[in-house]
Amino acid sequence: MEHNLEQAIRDNLKFEIEHSGKKKKEIAAALGISCATVSQYCSGRAQPSLATLSRLCVYLGISADDILCIGTV
């Protein structure tokens, strides 16, 4: 179950980034991270820290609950 939750979080993060209407370089600049890091989030090779996830959610106008599957487990 732990693996499925981790995969769901990666999938949700990727979906929100790719469907945000913003370019990865715009997201990276707004968060103060590299474009490569945003790409790693999309590929599942890395996950953001809680602080970065919080800033990402605010920037994209999304709920962290949706990313973290809170209320769906």
PDB file of N, CA and C in Angstrom:
ATOM      1  N   MET A   1       0.819  -1.189   0.000  1.00  0.00           N
ATOM      2  CA  MET A   1       0.000   0.000   0.000  1.00  0.00           C
ATOM      3  C   MET A   1       0.870   1.263   0.000  1.00  0.00           C
ATOM      4  N   GLU A   2       1.961   1.237   0.744  1.00  0.00           N
ATOM      5  CA  GLU A   2       2.871   2.383   0.799  1.00  0.00           C
ATOM      6  C   GLU A   2       3.365   2.745  -0.601  1.00  0.00           C
ATOM      7  N   HIS A   3       3.740   1.730  -1.379  1.00  0.00           N
ATOM      8  CA  HIS A   3       4.233   1.968  -2.745  1.00  0.00           C
ATOM      9  C   HIS A   3       3.137   2.586  -3.603  1.00  0.00           C
ATOM     10  N   ASN A   4       1.913   2.108  -3.465  1.00  0.00           N
ATOM     11  CA  ASN A   4       0.811   2.652  -4.263  1.00  0.00           C
ATOM     12  C   ASN A   4       0.544   4.111  -3.931  1.00  0.00           C
ATOM     13  N   LEU A   5       0.656   4.467  -2.655  1.00  0.00           N
ATOM     14  CA  LEU A   5       0.451   5.849  -2.251  1.00  0.00           C
ATOM     15  C   LEU A   5       1.556   6.733  -2.819  1.00  0.00           C
ATOM     16  N   GLU A   6       2.789   6.275  -2.738  1.00  0.00           N
ATOM     17  CA  GLU A   6       3.910   7.041  -3.292  1.00  0.00           C
ATOM     18  C   GLU A   6       3.739   7.246  -4.787  1.00  0.00           C
ATOM     19  N   GLN A   7       3.303   6.218  -5.489  1.00  0.00           N
ATOM     20  CA  GLN A   7       3.083   6.325  -6.929  1.00  0.00           C
ATOM     21  C   GLN A   7       1.944   7.295  -7.231  1.00  0.00           C
ATOM     22  N   ALA A   8       0.899   7.246  -6.433  1.00  0.00           N
ATOM     23  CA  ALA A   8      -0.236   8.156  -6.632  1.00  0.00           C
ATOM     24  C   ALA A   8       0.196   9.606  -6.429  1.00  0.00           C
ATOM     25  N   ILE A   9       1.035   9.851  -5.424  1.00  0.00           N
ATOM     26  CA  ILE A   9       1.536  11.208  -5.180  1.00  0.00           C
ATOM     27  C   ILE A   9       2.364  11.673  -6.367  1.00  0.00           C
ATOM     28  N   ARG A  10       3.255  10.817  -6.865  1.00  0.00           N
ATOM     29  CA  ARG A  10       4.069  11.181  -8.046  1.00  0.00           C
ATOM     30  C   ARG A  10       3.174  11.471  -9.243  1.00  0.00           C
ATOM     31  N   ASP A  11       2.180  10.625  -9.468  1.00  0.00           N
ATOM     32  CA  ASP A  11       1.276  10.812 -10.602  1.00  0.00           C
ATOM     33  C   ASP A  11       0.482  12.110 -10.484  1.00  0.00           C
ATOM     34  N   ASN A  12       0.001  12.398  -9.279  1.00  0.00           N
ATOM     35  CA  ASN A  12      -0.772  13.628  -9.065  1.00  0.00           C
ATOM     36  C   ASN A  12       0.091  14.864  -9.289  1.00  0.00           C
ATOM     37  N   LEU A  13       1.315  14.818  -8.789  1.00  0.00           N
ATOM     38  CA  LEU A  13       2.235  15.936  -8.961  1.00  0.00           C
ATOM     39  C   LEU A  13       2.529  16.167 -10.441  1.00  0.00           C
ATOM     40  N   LYS A  14       2.819  15.100 -11.144  1.00  0.00           N
ATOM     41  CA  LYS A  14       3.098  15.190 -12.582  1.00  0.00           C
ATOM     42  C   LYS A  14       1.891  15.776 -13.324  1.00  0.00           C
ATOM     43  N   PHE A  15       0.707  15.275 -13.029  1.00  0.00           N
ATOM     44  CA  PHE A  15      -0.498  15.744 -13.689  1.00  0.00           C
ATOM     45  C   PHE A  15      -0.691  17.243 -13.489  1.00  0.00           C
ATOM     46  N   GLU A  16      -0.590  17.687 -12.245  1.00  0.00           N
ATOM     47  CA  GLU A  16      -0.827  19.099 -11.944  1.00  0.00           C
ATOM     48  C   GLU A  16       0.194  20.009 -12.612  1.00  0.00           C
ATOM     49  N   ILE A  17       1.455  19.590 -12.627  1.00  0.00           N
ATOM     50  CA  ILE A  17       2.487  20.400 -13.278  1.00  0.00           C
ATOM     51  C   ILE A  17       2.234  20.463 -14.780  1.00  0.00           C
ATOM     52  N   GLU A  18       1.988  19.308 -15.389  1.00  0.00           N
ATOM     53  CA  GLU A  18       1.827  19.255 -16.842  1.00  0.00           C
ATOM     54  C   GLU A  18       0.540  19.907 -17.330  1.00  0.00           C
ATOM     55  N   HIS A  19      -0.465  19.980 -16.481  1.00  0.00           N
ATOM     56  CA  HIS A  19      -1.740  20.572 -16.887  1.00  0.00           C
ATOM     57  C   HIS A  19      -1.962  21.962 -16.295  1.00  0.00           C
ATOM     58  N   SER A  20      -0.912  22.554 -15.794  1.00  0.00           N
ATOM     59  CA  SER A  20      -1.029  23.876 -15.168  1.00  0.00           C
ATOM     60  C   SER A  20      -1.122  25.004 -16.183  1.00  0.00           C
ATOM     61  N   GLY A  21      -0.704  24.730 -17.409  1.00  0.00           N
ATOM     62  CA  GLY A  21      -0.657  25.791 -18.411  1.00  0.00           C
ATOM     63  C   GLY A  21       0.602  26.637 -18.298  1.00  0.00           C
ATOM     64  N   LYS A  22       1.481  26.237 -17.393  1.00  0.00           N
ATOM     65  CA  LYS A  22       2.733  26.971 -17.199  1.00  0.00           C
ATOM     66  C   LYS A  22       3.898  26.117 -17.667  1.00  0.00           C
ATOM     67  N   LYS A  23       4.916  26.780 -18.166  1.00  0.00           N
ATOM     68  CA  LYS A  23       6.112  26.071 -18.602  1.00  0.00           C
ATOM     69  C   LYS A  23       6.939  25.691 -17.383  1.00  0.00           C
ATOM     70  N   LYS A  24       7.683  24.612 -17.519  1.00  0.00           N
ATOM     71  CA  LYS A  24       8.514  24.156 -16.407  1.00  0.00           C
ATOM     72  C   LYS A  24       9.497  25.225 -15.966  1.00  0.00           C
ATOM     73  N   LYS A  25      10.017  25.994 -16.923  1.00  0.00           N
ATOM     74  CA  LYS A  25      10.968  27.043 -16.543  1.00  0.00           C
ATOM     75  C   LYS A  25      10.280  28.157 -15.763  1.00  0.00           C
ATOM     76  N   GLU A  26       9.011  28.424 -16.039  1.00  0.00           N
ATOM     77  CA  GLU A  26       8.261  29.421 -15.270  1.00  0.00           C
ATOM     78  C   GLU A  26       8.051  28.939 -13.834  1.00  0.00           C
ATOM     79  N   ILE A  27       7.684  27.679 -13.712  1.00  0.00           N
ATOM     80  CA  ILE A  27       7.469  27.092 -12.390  1.00  0.00           C
ATOM     81  C   ILE A  27       8.776  27.119 -11.601  1.00  0.00           C
ATOM     82  N   ALA A  28       9.853  26.704 -12.255  1.00  0.00           N
ATOM     83  CA  ALA A  28      11.159  26.668 -11.594  1.00  0.00           C
ATOM     84  C   ALA A  28      11.564  28.056 -11.108  1.00  0.00           C
ATOM     85  N   ALA A  29      11.400  29.056 -11.952  1.00  0.00           N
ATOM     86  CA  ALA A  29      11.776  30.426 -11.579  1.00  0.00           C
ATOM     87  C   ALA A  29      10.940  30.911 -10.400  1.00  0.00           C
ATOM     88  N   ALA A  30       9.658  30.615 -10.413  1.00  0.00           N
ATOM     89  CA  ALA A  30       8.770  31.065  -9.342  1.00  0.00           C
ATOM     90  C   ALA A  30       9.115  30.405  -8.006  1.00  0.00           C
ATOM     91  N   LEU A  31       9.607  29.166  -8.074  1.00  0.00           N
ATOM     92  CA  LEU A  31       9.906  28.426  -6.845  1.00  0.00           C
ATOM     93  C   LEU A  31      11.362  28.538  -6.419  1.00  0.00           C
ATOM     94  N   GLY A  32      12.183  29.100  -7.285  1.00  0.00           N
ATOM     95  CA  GLY A  32      13.605  29.215  -6.960  1.00  0.00           C
ATOM     96  C   GLY A  32      14.351  27.897  -7.044  1.00  0.00           C
ATOM     97  N   ILE A  33      13.912  27.048  -7.973  1.00  0.00           N
ATOM     98  CA  ILE A  33      14.569  25.761  -8.200  1.00  0.00           C
ATOM     99  C   ILE A  33      14.931  25.657  -9.676  1.00  0.00           C
ATOM    100  N   SER A  34      15.671  24.632 -10.032  1.00  0.00           N
ATOM    101  CA  SER A  34      16.066  24.491 -11.433  1.00  0.00           C
ATOM    102  C   SER A  34      14.952  23.849 -12.253  1.00  0.00           C
ATOM    103  N   CYS A  35      15.007  24.104 -13.534  1.00  0.00           N
ATOM    104  CA  CYS A  35      14.063  23.474 -14.462  1.00  0.00           C
ATOM    105  C   CYS A  35      14.246  21.962 -14.442  1.00  0.00           C
ATOM    106  N   ALA A  36      15.486  21.519 -14.274  1.00  0.00           N
ATOM    107  CA  ALA A  36      15.768  20.081 -14.196  1.00  0.00           C
ATOM    108  C   ALA A  36      15.066  19.450 -13.003  1.00  0.00           C
ATOM    109  N   THR A  37      14.983  20.179 -11.901  1.00  0.00           N
ATOM    110  CA  THR A  37      14.301  19.659 -10.717  1.00  0.00           C
ATOM    111  C   THR A  37      12.811  19.490 -10.983  1.00  0.00           C
ATOM    112  N   VAL A  38      12.214  20.453 -11.650  1.00  0.00           N
ATOM    113  CA  VAL A  38      10.794  20.329 -12.007  1.00  0.00           C
ATOM    114  C   VAL A  38      10.602  19.120 -12.920  1.00  0.00           C
ATOM    115  N   SER A  39      11.504  18.913 -13.853  1.00  0.00           N
ATOM    116  CA  SER A  39      11.426  17.748 -14.740  1.00  0.00           C
ATOM    117  C   SER A  39      11.550  16.452 -13.952  1.00  0.00           C
ATOM    118  N   GLN A  40      12.390  16.460 -12.920  1.00  0.00           N
ATOM    119  CA  GLN A  40      12.528  15.264 -12.083  1.00  0.00           C
ATOM    120  C   GLN A  40      11.244  14.983 -11.313  1.00  0.00           C
ATOM    121  N   TYR A  41      10.547  16.030 -10.890  1.00  0.00           N
ATOM    122  CA  TYR A  41       9.253  15.831 -10.239  1.00  0.00           C
ATOM    123  C   TYR A  41       8.277  15.166 -11.201  1.00  0.00           C
ATOM    124  N   CYS A  42       8.280  15.596 -12.455  1.00  0.00           N
ATOM    125  CA  CYS A  42       7.363  15.053 -13.453  1.00  0.00           C
ATOM    126  C   CYS A  42       7.693  13.603 -13.811  1.00  0.00           C
ATOM    127  N   SER A  43       8.966  13.268 -13.788  1.00  0.00           N
ATOM    128  CA  SER A  43       9.365  11.904 -14.154  1.00  0.00           C
ATOM    129  C   SER A  43       9.301  10.951 -12.967  1.00  0.00           C
ATOM    130  N   GLY A  44       9.143  11.490 -11.765  1.00  0.00           N
ATOM    131  CA  GLY A  44       9.094  10.643 -10.581  1.00  0.00           C
ATOM    132  C   GLY A  44      10.464  10.339 -10.002  1.00  0.00           C
ATOM    133  N   ARG A  45      11.519  10.937 -10.549  1.00  0.00           N
ATOM    134  CA  ARG A  45      12.867  10.688 -10.039  1.00  0.00           C
ATOM    135  C   ARG A  45      13.146  11.459  -8.761  1.00  0.00           C
ATOM    136  N   ALA A  46      12.327  12.463  -8.458  1.00  0.00           N
ATOM    137  CA  ALA A  46      12.501  13.254  -7.236  1.00  0.00           C
ATOM    138  C   ALA A  46      11.131  13.715  -6.759  1.00  0.00           C
ATOM    139  N   GLN A  47      11.064  13.994  -5.464  1.00  0.00           N
ATOM    140  CA  GLN A  47       9.854  14.569  -4.883  1.00  0.00           C
ATOM    141  C   GLN A  47      10.247  15.849  -4.156  1.00  0.00           C
ATOM    142  N   PRO A  48       9.381  16.838  -4.191  1.00  0.00           N
ATOM    143  CA  PRO A  48       9.715  18.106  -3.537  1.00  0.00           C
ATOM    144  C   PRO A  48       9.684  17.979  -2.016  1.00  0.00           C
ATOM    145  N   SER A  49      10.448  18.832  -1.366  1.00  0.00           N
ATOM    146  CA  SER A  49      10.343  18.942   0.084  1.00  0.00           C
ATOM    147  C   SER A  49       8.951  19.481   0.401  1.00  0.00           C
ATOM    148  N   LEU A  50       8.562  19.397   1.650  1.00  0.00           N
ATOM    149  CA  LEU A  50       7.249  19.923   2.027  1.00  0.00           C
ATOM    150  C   LEU A  50       7.156  21.422   1.779  1.00  0.00           C
ATOM    151  N   ALA A  51       8.247  22.137   2.029  1.00  0.00           N
ATOM    152  CA  ALA A  51       8.248  23.587   1.790  1.00  0.00           C
ATOM    153  C   ALA A  51       8.063  23.895   0.303  1.00  0.00           C
ATOM    154  N   THR A  52       8.764  23.148  -0.540  1.00  0.00           N
ATOM    155  CA  THR A  52       8.639  23.364  -1.985  1.00  0.00           C
ATOM    156  C   THR A  52       7.263  22.937  -2.472  1.00  0.00           C
ATOM    157  N   LEU A  53       6.742  21.843  -1.941  1.00  0.00           N
ATOM    158  CA  LEU A  53       5.399  21.395  -2.322  1.00  0.00           C
ATOM    159  C   LEU A  53       4.379  22.466  -1.957  1.00  0.00           C
ATOM    160  N   SER A  54       4.529  23.051  -0.792  1.00  0.00           N
ATOM    161  CA  SER A  54       3.608  24.106  -0.364  1.00  0.00           C
ATOM    162  C   SER A  54       3.651  25.291  -1.323  1.00  0.00           C
ATOM    163  N   ARG A  55       4.853  25.740  -1.670  1.00  0.00           N
ATOM    164  CA  ARG A  55       4.991  26.868  -2.604  1.00  0.00           C
ATOM    165  C   ARG A  55       4.437  26.507  -3.979  1.00  0.00           C
ATOM    166  N   LEU A  56       4.670  25.269  -4.415  1.00  0.00           N
ATOM    167  CA  LEU A  56       4.168  24.812  -5.713  1.00  0.00           C
ATOM    168  C   LEU A  56       2.643  24.841  -5.734  1.00  0.00           C
ATOM    169  N   CYS A  57       2.033  24.345  -4.674  1.00  0.00           N
ATOM    170  CA  CYS A  57       0.568  24.329  -4.618  1.00  0.00           C
ATOM    171  C   CYS A  57      -0.004  25.738  -4.644  1.00  0.00           C
ATOM    172  N   VAL A  58       0.600  26.640  -3.892  1.00  0.00           N
ATOM    173  CA  VAL A  58       0.136  28.031  -3.892  1.00  0.00           C
ATOM    174  C   VAL A  58       0.304  28.635  -5.285  1.00  0.00           C
ATOM    175  N   TYR A  59       1.463  28.409  -5.896  1.00  0.00           N
ATOM    176  CA  TYR A  59       1.742  28.973  -7.221  1.00  0.00           C
ATOM    177  C   TYR A  59       0.767  28.454  -8.274  1.00  0.00           C
ATOM    178  N   LEU A  60       0.465  27.154  -8.216  1.00  0.00           N
ATOM    179  CA  LEU A  60      -0.435  26.569  -9.214  1.00  0.00           C
ATOM    180  C   LEU A  60      -1.906  26.714  -8.836  1.00  0.00           C
ATOM    181  N   GLY A  61      -2.178  27.157  -7.626  1.00  0.00           N
ATOM    182  CA  GLY A  61      -3.564  27.316  -7.185  1.00  0.00           C
ATOM    183  C   GLY A  61      -4.266  25.987  -6.976  1.00  0.00           C
ATOM    184  N   ILE A  62      -3.538  25.029  -6.425  1.00  0.00           N
ATOM    185  CA  ILE A  62      -4.096  23.696  -6.189  1.00  0.00           C
ATOM    186  C   ILE A  62      -3.986  23.350  -4.712  1.00  0.00           C
ATOM    187  N   SER A  63      -4.685  22.325  -4.316  1.00  0.00           N
ATOM    188  CA  SER A  63      -4.663  21.878  -2.937  1.00  0.00           C
ATOM    189  C   SER A  63      -3.611  20.787  -2.737  1.00  0.00           C
ATOM    190  N   ALA A  64      -2.829  20.913  -1.674  1.00  0.00           N
ATOM    191  CA  ALA A  64      -1.876  19.860  -1.340  1.00  0.00           C
ATOM    192  C   ALA A  64      -2.609  18.563  -1.014  1.00  0.00           C
ATOM    193  N   ASP A  65      -3.832  18.664  -0.524  1.00  0.00           N
ATOM    194  CA  ASP A  65      -4.627  17.468  -0.236  1.00  0.00           C
ATOM    195  C   ASP A  65      -4.776  16.601  -1.480  1.00  0.00           C
ATOM    196  N   ASP A  66      -4.978  17.243  -2.630  1.00  0.00           N
ATOM    197  CA  ASP A  66      -5.129  16.488  -3.874  1.00  0.00           C
ATOM    198  C   ASP A  66      -3.843  15.794  -4.272  1.00  0.00           C
ATOM    199  N   ILE A  67      -2.715  16.471  -4.083  1.00  0.00           N
ATOM    200  CA  ILE A  67      -1.427  15.886  -4.420  1.00  0.00           C
ATOM    201  C   ILE A  67      -1.110  14.720  -3.499  1.00  0.00           C
ATOM    202  N   LEU A  68      -1.368  14.914  -2.194  1.00  0.00           N
ATOM    203  CA  LEU A  68      -0.979  13.932  -1.185  1.00  0.00           C
ATOM    204  C   LEU A  68      -2.037  12.866  -0.922  1.00  0.00           C
ATOM    205  N   CYS A  69      -3.107  12.880  -1.691  1.00  0.00           N
ATOM    206  CA  CYS A  69      -4.174  11.884  -1.584  1.00  0.00           C
ATOM    207  C   CYS A  69      -4.839  11.902  -0.224  1.00  0.00           C
ATOM    208  N   ILE A  70      -4.916  13.063   0.401  1.00  0.00           N
ATOM    209  CA  ILE A  70      -5.553  13.174   1.711  1.00  0.00           C
ATOM    210  C   ILE A  70      -7.060  13.129   1.515  1.00  0.00           C
ATOM    211  N   GLY A  71      -7.678  12.236   2.250  1.00  0.00           N
ATOM    212  CA  GLY A  71      -9.109  12.052   2.132  1.00  0.00           C
ATOM    213  C   GLY A  71      -9.508  11.021   1.094  1.00  0.00           C
ATOM    214  N   THR A  72      -8.527  10.451   0.398  1.00  0.00           N
ATOM    215  CA  THR A  72      -8.848   9.449  -0.631  1.00  0.00           C
ATOM    216  C   THR A  72      -8.312   8.073  -0.271  1.00  0.00           C
ATOM    217  N   VAL A  73      -7.609   7.969   0.852  1.00  0.00           N
ATOM    218  CA  VAL A  73      -7.000   6.682   1.222  1.00  0.00           C
ATOM    219  C   VAL A  73      -7.881   5.977   2.197  1.00  0.00           C
TER     220      VAL A  73
END
